[in-house]
Amino acid sequence: MHVFEAPHGDRLQVVPERGGLLTSWICNAQERLYFDSERFADPAKSVRGGIPVLFPICGNLPGNRLDLPQGSYTLAQHGFARDLPWQLQPLSDGSGIRLVLESNPQTLAAFPFAFRLSLDYRLEPSALEILATVEHTAGSEGPMPFSLGLHPYFAVSSLSAASLEGLQESCLDHLQMAPASTADQLAKLSEGVDLLANPTGDAVRLVDAGSGQTITLELTAPLDLAVVWTEPPRPMVCLEPWTAPRGSLATGDRCLQLDPGQAMQLRCRYVCSDPG
């Protein structure tokens, strides 16, 4: 476990060996992330909390199969990045940390491409900027398809006090894999929702009427789809940036590709607003 503290007092806590998982973000002296430490203590269980990394897919593929010219591969939901150890480096300007994951025999067995994925977490006053750099490194042929997402769990005073602003009227209900009314879905946060939507602009806001706090997700294409997920009775709302919907590597819908030697940067920013 590693702790980074910025000069202005905000703080990050990360566990590089457990999927490069950011487990805590202290902003303006308040913990912003939900984290189930008891569940985290059991490595056999998927985590509930922090900021898991989704790569090289978001969501799942039909039958968990990735069919490519190179062959057919088994790739589990959300990919492997959240399950593997990462390398930790300081940012040269002292503003945060960098986490790095590189292809290895384990990744190549599920995804036959050489890659380097780095995530820069940079603390700003009242904000966390996240910059992902995906590189298709030498050692594999053909274009590398991928999707990338982040799965942050934000603590709320209660699900009934939470609301979201800045999403388009229609969304995709992931539970039914069918179009739905965004307003109808958001009215069921306390019952459990899993939806994907386009923002109306370049930001989506998670408002907690109980605490008066707001978390704003600032989006930049192509990391500009928003997923909202709740799991009652946990007092948390996941507000997630994705590059593509579920199944993108099978359908081609918004699938990103890099030729060998190419790299791409993806960014987003979370901003905290507090009452008073």
Protein backbone atom coordinates (compact mmCIF):
# COMPACT_ATOMS: atom_id res chain seq x y z
CA MET A 1 0.00 0.00 0.00
CA HIS A 2 1.31 3.45 -0.93
CA VAL A 3 0.10 6.88 0.18
CA PHE A 4 0.72 10.08 -1.78
CA GLU A 5 -0.05 13.46 -0.23
CA ALA A 6 -0.12 16.70 -2.22
CA PRO A 7 1.23 19.96 -0.78
CA HIS A 8 -2.35 21.26 -0.43
CA GLY A 9 -3.28 18.30 1.78
CA ASP A 10 -5.29 16.07 -0.56
CA ARG A 11 -4.23 12.44 -0.51
CA LEU A 12 -4.34 9.23 -2.54
CA GLN A 13 -3.90 5.65 -1.35
CA VAL A 14 -3.11 2.90 -3.85
CA VAL A 15 -2.38 -0.83 -3.76
CA PRO A 16 -0.30 -1.45 -6.93
CA GLU A 17 -0.11 -5.22 -6.45
CA ARG A 18 -3.92 -5.54 -6.44
CA GLY A 19 -4.84 -4.29 -9.89
CA GLY A 20 -3.29 -0.85 -9.38
CA LEU A 21 -6.35 -0.13 -7.24
CA LEU A 22 -6.78 3.37 -5.89
CA THR A 23 -8.47 2.71 -2.53
CA SER A 24 -8.79 6.24 -1.10
CA TRP A 25 -9.07 9.81 -2.33
CA ILE A 26 -9.10 12.44 0.38
CA CYS A 27 -10.23 15.76 -1.10
CA ASN A 28 -10.76 18.84 1.08
CA ALA A 29 -10.31 16.63 4.16
CA GLN A 30 -13.18 14.33 3.08
CA GLU A 31 -12.99 10.73 1.87
CA ARG A 32 -14.68 10.62 -1.54
CA LEU A 33 -14.47 6.91 -2.32
CA TYR A 34 -16.48 4.02 -0.98
CA PHE A 35 -14.32 1.01 -0.07
CA ASP A 36 -15.30 -2.36 1.39
CA SER A 37 -12.10 -3.33 3.21
CA GLU A 38 -13.53 -6.61 4.50
CA ARG A 39 -14.30 -7.82 0.98
CA PHE A 40 -10.91 -6.56 -0.23
CA ALA A 41 -9.23 -8.80 2.37
CA ASP A 42 -10.45 -11.84 0.40
CA PRO A 43 -8.49 -11.92 -2.90
CA ALA A 44 -10.92 -14.52 -4.27
CA LYS A 45 -13.69 -11.90 -4.38
CA SER A 46 -13.98 -8.98 -6.77
CA VAL A 47 -13.49 -5.68 -5.00
CA ARG A 48 -16.28 -3.32 -4.07
CA GLY A 49 -14.75 0.09 -3.84
CA GLY A 50 -11.92 2.36 -4.91
CA ILE A 51 -11.23 2.88 -8.61
CA PRO A 52 -10.81 -0.40 -10.53
CA VAL A 53 -9.36 -0.15 -14.04
CA LEU A 54 -11.22 -1.73 -16.99
CA PHE A 55 -8.93 -2.88 -19.82
CA PRO A 56 -8.79 -4.12 -22.56
CA ILE A 57 -12.59 -4.35 -22.47
CA CYS A 58 -15.42 -2.64 -20.64
CA GLY A 59 -18.19 -5.00 -19.61
CA ASN A 60 -18.23 -8.47 -21.08
CA LEU A 61 -18.06 -10.28 -24.41
CA PRO A 62 -20.55 -12.97 -25.54
CA GLY A 63 -19.42 -16.17 -23.87
CA ASN A 64 -16.34 -14.31 -22.62
CA ARG A 65 -14.78 -15.06 -26.02
CA LEU A 66 -12.60 -12.66 -27.99
CA ASP A 67 -12.44 -13.73 -31.63
CA LEU A 68 -9.51 -12.30 -33.60
CA PRO A 69 -7.58 -13.20 -36.76
CA GLN A 70 -4.96 -14.63 -34.38
CA GLY A 71 -7.50 -17.05 -32.85
CA SER A 72 -10.17 -17.24 -30.17
CA TYR A 73 -9.33 -16.18 -26.61
CA THR A 74 -11.03 -16.23 -23.23
CA LEU A 75 -11.35 -12.72 -21.79
CA ALA A 76 -13.33 -12.22 -18.59
CA GLN A 77 -15.63 -9.30 -17.79
CA HIS A 78 -13.85 -5.92 -17.67
CA GLY A 79 -10.57 -7.53 -18.77
CA PHE A 80 -7.51 -8.37 -16.69
CA ALA A 81 -6.02 -5.01 -15.66
CA ARG A 82 -7.94 -4.90 -12.37
CA ASP A 83 -6.54 -8.31 -11.33
CA LEU A 84 -2.82 -7.91 -12.08
CA PRO A 85 0.06 -6.23 -10.22
CA TRP A 86 1.09 -2.80 -11.51
CA GLN A 87 4.31 -0.83 -11.18
CA LEU A 88 4.21 2.41 -9.20
CA GLN A 89 6.18 5.52 -10.15
CA PRO A 90 6.10 9.14 -8.94
CA LEU A 91 5.15 11.85 -11.41
CA SER A 92 8.16 14.00 -12.23
CA ASP A 93 6.40 17.22 -11.21
CA GLY A 94 5.47 15.82 -7.80
CA SER A 95 1.73 16.21 -8.38
CA GLY A 96 0.74 12.57 -8.17
CA ILE A 97 1.53 8.99 -9.09
CA ARG A 98 1.86 6.85 -12.20
CA LEU A 99 0.76 3.22 -12.40
CA VAL A 100 2.09 1.05 -15.22
CA LEU A 101 0.93 -2.31 -16.57
CA GLU A 102 2.81 -4.06 -19.38
CA SER A 103 1.92 -7.14 -21.36
CA ASN A 104 3.27 -10.43 -20.04
CA PRO A 105 2.69 -14.15 -20.63
CA GLN A 106 -0.53 -14.03 -18.59
CA THR A 107 -2.03 -11.16 -20.62
CA LEU A 108 -0.83 -12.59 -23.94
CA ALA A 109 -2.75 -15.81 -23.23
CA ALA A 110 -6.00 -13.80 -23.21
CA PHE A 111 -5.12 -10.84 -25.44
CA PRO A 112 -2.38 -11.47 -28.04
CA PHE A 113 -0.92 -7.97 -28.15
CA ALA A 114 2.14 -6.33 -26.65
CA PHE A 115 1.10 -3.18 -24.81
CA ARG A 116 2.00 -0.67 -22.15
CA LEU A 117 -0.79 0.99 -20.16
CA SER A 118 0.02 3.85 -17.81
CA LEU A 119 -2.35 5.79 -15.57
CA ASP A 120 -1.36 9.17 -14.17
CA TYR A 121 -3.35 10.25 -11.12
CA ARG A 122 -2.71 13.95 -10.57
CA LEU A 123 -4.07 15.80 -7.54
CA GLU A 124 -5.25 19.36 -8.08
CA PRO A 125 -7.06 21.56 -5.55
CA SER A 126 -10.56 20.02 -5.27
CA ALA A 127 -9.94 17.73 -8.25
CA LEU A 128 -8.38 14.49 -9.47
CA GLU A 129 -7.15 14.38 -13.06
CA ILE A 130 -6.63 10.96 -14.63
CA LEU A 131 -4.57 10.49 -17.80
CA ALA A 132 -4.34 7.04 -19.39
CA THR A 133 -1.75 6.29 -22.07
CA VAL A 134 -2.24 3.12 -24.09
CA GLU A 135 0.65 2.01 -26.29
CA HIS A 136 0.77 -0.91 -28.72
CA THR A 137 4.43 -1.81 -28.30
CA ALA A 138 6.64 -3.85 -30.59
CA GLY A 139 6.23 -7.60 -30.43
CA SER A 140 2.80 -8.23 -31.94
CA GLU A 141 1.31 -7.72 -35.38
CA GLY A 142 -1.86 -6.14 -36.67
CA PRO A 143 -4.06 -3.48 -35.10
CA MET A 144 -4.73 -3.85 -31.36
CA PRO A 145 -8.42 -3.37 -30.51
CA PHE A 146 -9.33 -2.20 -27.03
CA SER A 147 -11.72 -0.34 -24.78
CA LEU A 148 -10.85 1.41 -21.53
CA GLY A 149 -12.89 2.48 -18.57
CA LEU A 150 -12.65 3.42 -14.91
CA HIS A 151 -15.01 2.12 -12.23
CA PRO A 152 -14.88 4.58 -9.29
CA TYR A 153 -17.14 3.96 -6.30
CA PHE A 154 -18.22 7.25 -4.74
CA ALA A 155 -19.50 7.31 -1.18
CA VAL A 156 -22.92 8.90 -0.66
CA SER A 157 -24.90 9.60 2.50
CA SER A 158 -27.66 7.35 1.14
CA LEU A 159 -28.89 6.13 -2.23
CA SER A 160 -32.17 7.97 -1.71
CA ALA A 161 -30.24 11.24 -1.36
CA ALA A 162 -28.24 10.74 -4.57
CA SER A 163 -29.13 12.11 -7.99
CA LEU A 164 -27.37 12.63 -11.30
CA GLU A 165 -27.42 15.52 -13.76
CA GLY A 166 -26.11 15.93 -17.28
CA LEU A 167 -27.20 12.68 -18.96
CA GLN A 168 -29.24 12.44 -22.16
CA GLU A 169 -32.90 11.43 -21.97
CA SER A 170 -32.35 7.90 -23.30
CA CYS A 171 -29.87 5.33 -22.06
CA LEU A 172 -29.00 1.65 -22.33
CA ASP A 173 -30.22 -0.47 -19.42
CA HIS A 174 -27.36 -2.94 -18.94
CA LEU A 175 -29.54 -5.24 -16.83
CA GLN A 176 -31.97 -5.79 -19.72
CA MET A 177 -29.59 -4.76 -22.53
CA ALA A 178 -32.39 -2.60 -23.89
CA PRO A 179 -33.04 1.11 -24.42
CA ALA A 180 -34.63 2.87 -21.46
CA SER A 181 -35.61 6.26 -20.10
CA THR A 182 -32.70 7.76 -18.18
CA ALA A 183 -35.07 9.48 -15.74
CA ASP A 184 -36.85 6.19 -15.02
CA GLN A 185 -33.54 4.45 -14.39
CA LEU A 186 -32.18 7.19 -12.13
CA ALA A 187 -35.38 7.06 -10.09
CA LYS A 188 -34.39 3.50 -9.14
CA LEU A 189 -30.92 4.12 -7.72
CA SER A 190 -32.08 2.64 -4.40
CA GLU A 191 -33.25 -0.53 -6.17
CA GLY A 192 -30.06 -1.06 -8.16
CA VAL A 193 -29.29 0.23 -11.65
CA ASP A 194 -26.70 -0.37 -14.35
CA LEU A 195 -26.98 2.05 -17.24
CA LEU A 196 -24.85 3.57 -19.99
CA ALA A 197 -25.64 7.02 -21.37
CA ASN A 198 -24.21 9.86 -23.37
CA PRO A 199 -23.77 13.14 -21.52
CA THR A 200 -25.71 16.20 -22.64
CA GLY A 201 -22.47 18.18 -22.59
CA ASP A 202 -18.98 17.42 -21.36
CA ALA A 203 -19.77 16.80 -17.68
CA VAL A 204 -21.98 14.63 -15.48
CA ARG A 205 -22.73 15.54 -11.86
CA LEU A 206 -23.38 13.24 -8.91
CA VAL A 207 -25.28 15.26 -6.30
CA ASP A 208 -25.64 14.10 -2.70
CA ALA A 209 -28.51 16.03 -1.11
CA GLY A 210 -27.70 14.51 2.27
CA SER A 211 -24.16 15.90 2.51
CA GLY A 212 -24.49 18.79 0.07
CA GLN A 213 -21.51 17.45 -1.87
CA THR A 214 -21.24 17.18 -5.64
CA ILE A 215 -18.80 15.13 -7.71
CA THR A 216 -18.50 16.32 -11.31
CA LEU A 217 -17.07 14.01 -13.96
CA GLU A 218 -15.51 16.05 -16.77
CA LEU A 219 -15.33 13.95 -19.93
CA THR A 220 -13.11 14.16 -23.00
CA ALA A 221 -13.66 12.06 -26.16
CA PRO A 222 -13.23 9.21 -26.70
CA LEU A 223 -13.45 8.52 -22.93
CA ASP A 224 -16.85 10.19 -22.92
CA LEU A 225 -19.55 7.62 -22.19
CA ALA A 226 -20.97 7.53 -18.67
CA VAL A 227 -21.99 4.40 -16.78
CA VAL A 228 -24.00 4.62 -13.56
CA TRP A 229 -24.14 1.58 -11.27
CA THR A 230 -25.54 0.99 -7.80
CA GLU A 231 -25.64 -2.13 -5.63
CA PRO A 232 -28.06 -1.65 -2.72
CA PRO A 233 -27.77 -1.41 0.18
CA ARG A 234 -24.20 -0.16 -0.29
CA PRO A 235 -24.11 3.65 0.17
CA MET A 236 -22.23 4.29 -3.05
CA VAL A 237 -22.78 5.32 -6.66
CA CYS A 238 -20.38 4.36 -9.43
CA LEU A 239 -20.00 7.15 -11.99
CA GLU A 240 -17.75 5.64 -14.64
CA PRO A 241 -16.15 6.95 -17.85
CA TRP A 242 -16.00 4.34 -20.64
CA THR A 243 -14.73 4.61 -24.21
CA ALA A 244 -17.25 2.09 -25.58
CA PRO A 245 -20.30 0.04 -24.63
CA ARG A 246 -20.25 -3.62 -23.64
CA GLY A 247 -19.15 -6.02 -26.37
CA SER A 248 -17.31 -3.37 -28.35
CA LEU A 249 -14.48 -5.70 -29.38
CA ALA A 250 -17.08 -8.08 -30.84
CA THR A 251 -19.43 -5.54 -32.44
CA GLY A 252 -16.89 -2.87 -33.42
CA ASP A 253 -19.08 -0.18 -31.82
CA ARG A 254 -16.67 2.60 -30.78
CA CYS A 255 -13.84 0.06 -30.68
CA LEU A 256 -10.44 1.79 -30.50
CA GLN A 257 -7.44 0.44 -32.42
CA LEU A 258 -3.70 1.04 -32.36
CA ASP A 259 -1.15 -0.16 -34.89
CA PRO A 260 2.22 -1.38 -33.57
CA GLY A 261 4.21 1.60 -32.31
CA GLN A 262 1.15 3.82 -31.89
CA ALA A 263 -0.08 5.29 -28.61
CA MET A 264 -3.25 7.06 -27.49
CA GLN A 265 -4.02 9.26 -24.50
CA LEU A 266 -7.39 9.26 -22.74
CA ARG A 267 -8.32 11.65 -19.97
CA CYS A 268 -11.01 12.59 -17.50
CA ARG A 269 -11.28 14.72 -14.37
CA TYR A 270 -13.32 14.51 -11.17
CA VAL A 271 -14.07 17.75 -9.34
CA CYS A 272 -15.40 18.01 -5.76
CA SER A 273 -17.79 20.73 -4.64
CA ASP A 274 -18.70 21.07 -0.97
CA PRO A 275 -21.44 23.07 0.78
CA GLY A 276 -20.52 26.53 1.98
